[in-house]
Amino acid sequence: MAYIEKEGRITTNLCAKLLITSSDTALRELTKMSQSGIITRKGKGKSIYYALR
């Protein structure tokens, strides 16, 4: 969350690197936050990123 607040957005791969986890786990967590309304998913394909609502 702090990274998104500071930088404005985050990708799944960057989230995985920051959390030292797999891309699948990072995607799962980002999806949960998106479904909860905390962040929003933007872009298409390989250009998908997540930002605060």
PDB file of N, CA and C in Angstrom:
ATOM      1  N   MET A   1       0.813  -1.188   0.000  1.00  0.00           N
ATOM      2  CA  MET A   1       0.000   0.000   0.000  1.00  0.00           C
ATOM      3  C   MET A   1       0.858   1.252   0.000  1.00  0.00           C
ATOM      4  N   ALA A   2       1.883   1.269   0.816  1.00  0.00           N
ATOM      5  CA  ALA A   2       2.741   2.450   0.900  1.00  0.00           C
ATOM      6  C   ALA A   2       3.384   2.744  -0.448  1.00  0.00           C
ATOM      7  N   TYR A   3       3.776   1.698  -1.173  1.00  0.00           N
ATOM      8  CA  TYR A   3       4.399   1.892  -2.481  1.00  0.00           C
ATOM      9  C   TYR A   3       3.408   2.538  -3.445  1.00  0.00           C
ATOM     10  N   ILE A   4       2.178   2.055  -3.444  1.00  0.00           N
ATOM     11  CA  ILE A   4       1.163   2.612  -4.343  1.00  0.00           C
ATOM     12  C   ILE A   4       0.885   4.068  -3.974  1.00  0.00           C
ATOM     13  N   GLU A   5       0.819   4.365  -2.692  1.00  0.00           N
ATOM     14  CA  GLU A   5       0.588   5.749  -2.261  1.00  0.00           C
ATOM     15  C   GLU A   5       1.722   6.658  -2.718  1.00  0.00           C
ATOM     16  N   LYS A   6       2.947   6.165  -2.646  1.00  0.00           N
ATOM     17  CA  LYS A   6       4.108   6.977  -3.014  1.00  0.00           C
ATOM     18  C   LYS A   6       4.267   7.108  -4.527  1.00  0.00           C
ATOM     19  N   GLU A   7       4.171   5.987  -5.243  1.00  0.00           N
ATOM     20  CA  GLU A   7       4.450   5.969  -6.681  1.00  0.00           C
ATOM     21  C   GLU A   7       3.208   6.120  -7.562  1.00  0.00           C
ATOM     22  N   GLY A   8       2.037   5.883  -6.988  1.00  0.00           N
ATOM     23  CA  GLY A   8       0.808   6.054  -7.751  1.00  0.00           C
ATOM     24  C   GLY A   8       0.270   4.789  -8.389  1.00  0.00           C
ATOM     25  N   ARG A   9       1.119   3.785  -8.576  1.00  0.00           N
ATOM     26  CA  ARG A   9       0.684   2.533  -9.199  1.00  0.00           C
ATOM     27  C   ARG A   9       1.693   1.428  -8.938  1.00  0.00           C
ATOM     28  N   ILE A  10       1.252   0.183  -9.194  1.00  0.00           N
ATOM     29  CA  ILE A  10       2.132  -0.972  -9.033  1.00  0.00           C
ATOM     30  C   ILE A  10       1.691  -2.060 -10.007  1.00  0.00           C
ATOM     31  N   THR A  11       2.637  -2.831 -10.499  1.00  0.00           N
ATOM     32  CA  THR A  11       2.338  -3.977 -11.353  1.00  0.00           C
ATOM     33  C   THR A  11       2.432  -5.253 -10.525  1.00  0.00           C
ATOM     34  N   THR A  12       1.907  -6.323 -11.073  1.00  0.00           N
ATOM     35  CA  THR A  12       1.966  -7.609 -10.377  1.00  0.00           C
ATOM     36  C   THR A  12       3.408  -8.051 -10.164  1.00  0.00           C
ATOM     37  N   ASN A  13       4.239  -7.927 -11.188  1.00  0.00           N
ATOM     38  CA  ASN A  13       5.635  -8.364 -11.063  1.00  0.00           C
ATOM     39  C   ASN A  13       6.396  -7.546 -10.026  1.00  0.00           C
ATOM     40  N   LEU A  14       6.187  -6.252 -10.004  1.00  0.00           N
ATOM     41  CA  LEU A  14       6.862  -5.412  -9.011  1.00  0.00           C
ATOM     42  C   LEU A  14       6.369  -5.745  -7.605  1.00  0.00           C
ATOM     43  N   CYS A  15       5.088  -5.968  -7.462  1.00  0.00           N
ATOM     44  CA  CYS A  15       4.528  -6.351  -6.165  1.00  0.00           C
ATOM     45  C   CYS A  15       5.162  -7.654  -5.684  1.00  0.00           C
ATOM     46  N   ALA A  16       5.314  -8.616  -6.582  1.00  0.00           N
ATOM     47  CA  ALA A  16       5.931  -9.899  -6.226  1.00  0.00           C
ATOM     48  C   ALA A  16       7.369  -9.696  -5.757  1.00  0.00           C
ATOM     49  N   LYS A  17       8.108  -8.832  -6.439  1.00  0.00           N
ATOM     50  CA  LYS A  17       9.497  -8.564  -6.043  1.00  0.00           C
ATOM     51  C   LYS A  17       9.567  -7.890  -4.676  1.00  0.00           C
ATOM     52  N   LEU A  18       8.707  -6.915  -4.448  1.00  0.00           N
ATOM     53  CA  LEU A  18       8.710  -6.191  -3.175  1.00  0.00           C
ATOM     54  C   LEU A  18       8.307  -7.087  -2.007  1.00  0.00           C
ATOM     55  N   LEU A  19       7.380  -8.002  -2.256  1.00  0.00           N
ATOM     56  CA  LEU A  19       6.901  -8.901  -1.201  1.00  0.00           C
ATOM     57  C   LEU A  19       7.699 -10.200  -1.115  1.00  0.00           C
ATOM     58  N   ILE A  20       8.652 -10.359  -2.028  1.00  0.00           N
ATOM     59  CA  ILE A  20       9.475 -11.571  -2.110  1.00  0.00           C
ATOM     60  C   ILE A  20       8.566 -12.802  -2.139  1.00  0.00           C
ATOM     61  N   THR A  21       7.730 -12.847  -3.172  1.00  0.00           N
ATOM     62  CA  THR A  21       6.783 -13.942  -3.348  1.00  0.00           C
ATOM     63  C   THR A  21       6.598 -14.204  -4.834  1.00  0.00           C
ATOM     64  N   SER A  22       5.760 -15.145  -5.169  1.00  0.00           N
ATOM     65  CA  SER A  22       5.518 -15.466  -6.576  1.00  0.00           C
ATOM     66  C   SER A  22       4.557 -14.449  -7.196  1.00  0.00           C
ATOM     67  N   SER A  23       4.565 -14.388  -8.517  1.00  0.00           N
ATOM     68  CA  SER A  23       3.640 -13.505  -9.227  1.00  0.00           C
ATOM     69  C   SER A  23       2.198 -13.931  -8.977  1.00  0.00           C
ATOM     70  N   ASP A  24       1.964 -15.243  -8.871  1.00  0.00           N
ATOM     71  CA  ASP A  24       0.610 -15.743  -8.602  1.00  0.00           C
ATOM     72  C   ASP A  24       0.088 -15.235  -7.262  1.00  0.00           C
ATOM     73  N   THR A  25       0.926 -15.285  -6.243  1.00  0.00           N
ATOM     74  CA  THR A  25       0.523 -14.811  -4.917  1.00  0.00           C
ATOM     75  C   THR A  25       0.289 -13.306  -4.934  1.00  0.00           C
ATOM     76  N   ALA A  26       1.170 -12.569  -5.590  1.00  0.00           N
ATOM     77  CA  ALA A  26       1.010 -11.116  -5.687  1.00  0.00           C
ATOM     78  C   ALA A  26      -0.294 -10.774  -6.410  1.00  0.00           C
ATOM     79  N   LEU A  27      -0.574 -11.475  -7.500  1.00  0.00           N
ATOM     80  CA  LEU A  27      -1.808 -11.238  -8.254  1.00  0.00           C
ATOM     81  C   LEU A  27      -3.028 -11.533  -7.388  1.00  0.00           C
ATOM     82  N   ARG A  28      -2.979 -12.596  -6.627  1.00  0.00           N
ATOM     83  CA  ARG A  28      -4.087 -12.959  -5.741  1.00  0.00           C
ATOM     84  C   ARG A  28      -4.351 -11.842  -4.728  1.00  0.00           C
ATOM     85  N   GLU A  29      -3.291 -11.306  -4.139  1.00  0.00           N
ATOM     86  CA  GLU A  29      -3.446 -10.237  -3.147  1.00  0.00           C
ATOM     87  C   GLU A  29      -3.946  -8.943  -3.786  1.00  0.00           C
ATOM     88  N   LEU A  30      -3.410  -8.598  -4.953  1.00  0.00           N
ATOM     89  CA  LEU A  30      -3.864  -7.393  -5.647  1.00  0.00           C
ATOM     90  C   LEU A  30      -5.326  -7.530  -6.062  1.00  0.00           C
ATOM     91  N   THR A  31      -5.719  -8.718  -6.497  1.00  0.00           N
ATOM     92  CA  THR A  31      -7.109  -8.966  -6.882  1.00  0.00           C
ATOM     93  C   THR A  31      -8.036  -8.824  -5.681  1.00  0.00           C
ATOM     94  N   LYS A  32      -7.635  -9.346  -4.531  1.00  0.00           N
ATOM     95  CA  LYS A  32      -8.440  -9.209  -3.307  1.00  0.00           C
ATOM     96  C   LYS A  32      -8.642  -7.734  -2.963  1.00  0.00           C
ATOM     97  N   MET A  33      -7.563  -6.947  -3.036  1.00  0.00           N
ATOM     98  CA  MET A  33      -7.667  -5.520  -2.715  1.00  0.00           C
ATOM     99  C   MET A  33      -8.532  -4.793  -3.736  1.00  0.00           C
ATOM    100  N   SER A  34      -8.457  -5.205  -4.993  1.00  0.00           N
ATOM    101  CA  SER A  34      -9.269  -4.605  -6.041  1.00  0.00           C
ATOM    102  C   SER A  34     -10.748  -4.916  -5.815  1.00  0.00           C
ATOM    103  N   GLN A  35     -11.056  -6.156  -5.483  1.00  0.00           N
ATOM    104  CA  GLN A  35     -12.443  -6.551  -5.231  1.00  0.00           C
ATOM    105  C   GLN A  35     -13.000  -5.890  -3.976  1.00  0.00           C
ATOM    106  N   SER A  36     -12.130  -5.548  -3.040  1.00  0.00           N
ATOM    107  CA  SER A  36     -12.548  -4.872  -1.806  1.00  0.00           C
ATOM    108  C   SER A  36     -12.734  -3.372  -2.004  1.00  0.00           C
ATOM    109  N   GLY A  37     -12.319  -2.864  -3.160  1.00  0.00           N
ATOM    110  CA  GLY A  37     -12.483  -1.447  -3.446  1.00  0.00           C
ATOM    111  C   GLY A  37     -11.348  -0.567  -2.968  1.00  0.00           C
ATOM    112  N   ILE A  38     -10.254  -1.179  -2.520  1.00  0.00           N
ATOM    113  CA  ILE A  38      -9.111  -0.409  -2.024  1.00  0.00           C
ATOM    114  C   ILE A  38      -8.306   0.159  -3.186  1.00  0.00           C
ATOM    115  N   ILE A  39      -8.098  -0.663  -4.201  1.00  0.00           N
ATOM    116  CA  ILE A  39      -7.356  -0.255  -5.390  1.00  0.00           C
ATOM    117  C   ILE A  39      -8.193  -0.573  -6.620  1.00  0.00           C
ATOM    118  N   THR A  40      -7.767  -0.076  -7.759  1.00  0.00           N
ATOM    119  CA  THR A  40      -8.459  -0.345  -9.005  1.00  0.00           C
ATOM    120  C   THR A  40      -7.481  -0.883 -10.036  1.00  0.00           C
ATOM    121  N   ARG A  41      -7.951  -1.777 -10.872  1.00  0.00           N
ATOM    122  CA  ARG A  41      -7.134  -2.384 -11.924  1.00  0.00           C
ATOM    123  C   ARG A  41      -7.301  -1.560 -13.193  1.00  0.00           C
ATOM    124  N   LYS A  42      -6.185  -1.237 -13.833  1.00  0.00           N
ATOM    125  CA  LYS A  42      -6.226  -0.427 -15.049  1.00  0.00           C
ATOM    126  C   LYS A  42      -5.337  -1.051 -16.113  1.00  0.00           C
ATOM    127  N   GLY A  43      -5.604  -0.735 -17.369  1.00  0.00           N
ATOM    128  CA  GLY A  43      -4.805  -1.239 -18.474  1.00  0.00           C
ATOM    129  C   GLY A  43      -5.313  -2.576 -18.985  1.00  0.00           C
ATOM    130  N   LYS A  44      -4.584  -3.108 -19.979  1.00  0.00           N
ATOM    131  CA  LYS A  44      -4.953  -4.385 -20.589  1.00  0.00           C
ATOM    132  C   LYS A  44      -3.705  -5.203 -20.861  1.00  0.00           C
ATOM    133  N   GLY A  45      -3.857  -6.516 -20.845  1.00  0.00           N
ATOM    134  CA  GLY A  45      -2.750  -7.413 -21.177  1.00  0.00           C
ATOM    135  C   GLY A  45      -1.549  -7.221 -20.278  1.00  0.00           C
ATOM    136  N   LYS A  46      -0.382  -7.078 -20.891  1.00  0.00           N
ATOM    137  CA  LYS A  46       0.852  -6.911 -20.122  1.00  0.00           C
ATOM    138  C   LYS A  46       0.989  -5.516 -19.528  1.00  0.00           C
ATOM    139  N   SER A  47       0.082  -4.624 -19.878  1.00  0.00           N
ATOM    140  CA  SER A  47       0.134  -3.246 -19.373  1.00  0.00           C
ATOM    141  C   SER A  47      -0.750  -3.035 -18.150  1.00  0.00           C
ATOM    142  N   ILE A  48      -1.235  -4.106 -17.530  1.00  0.00           N
ATOM    143  CA  ILE A  48      -2.109  -3.975 -16.363  1.00  0.00           C
ATOM    144  C   ILE A  48      -1.311  -3.471 -15.165  1.00  0.00           C
ATOM    145  N   TYR A  49      -1.915  -2.514 -14.462  1.00  0.00           N
ATOM    146  CA  TYR A  49      -1.331  -2.019 -13.218  1.00  0.00           C
ATOM    147  C   TYR A  49      -2.463  -1.705 -12.254  1.00  0.00           C
ATOM    148  N   TYR A  50      -2.121  -1.500 -11.016  1.00  0.00           N
ATOM    149  CA  TYR A  50      -3.100  -1.228  -9.969  1.00  0.00           C
ATOM    150  C   TYR A  50      -2.788   0.121  -9.345  1.00  0.00           C
ATOM    151  N   ALA A  51      -3.849   0.887  -9.070  1.00  0.00           N
ATOM    152  CA  ALA A  51      -3.699   2.218  -8.478  1.00  0.00           C
ATOM    153  C   ALA A  51      -4.770   2.405  -7.410  1.00  0.00           C
ATOM    154  N   LEU A  52      -4.568   3.380  -6.540  1.00  0.00           N
ATOM    155  CA  LEU A  52      -5.577   3.687  -5.527  1.00  0.00           C
ATOM    156  C   LEU A  52      -6.825   4.226  -6.194  1.00  0.00           C
ATOM    157  N   ARG A  53      -7.953   3.962  -5.594  1.00  0.00           N
ATOM    158  CA  ARG A  53      -9.225   4.479  -6.130  1.00  0.00           C
ATOM    159  C   ARG A  53      -9.352   5.945  -5.861  1.00  0.00           C
TER     160      ARG A  53
END
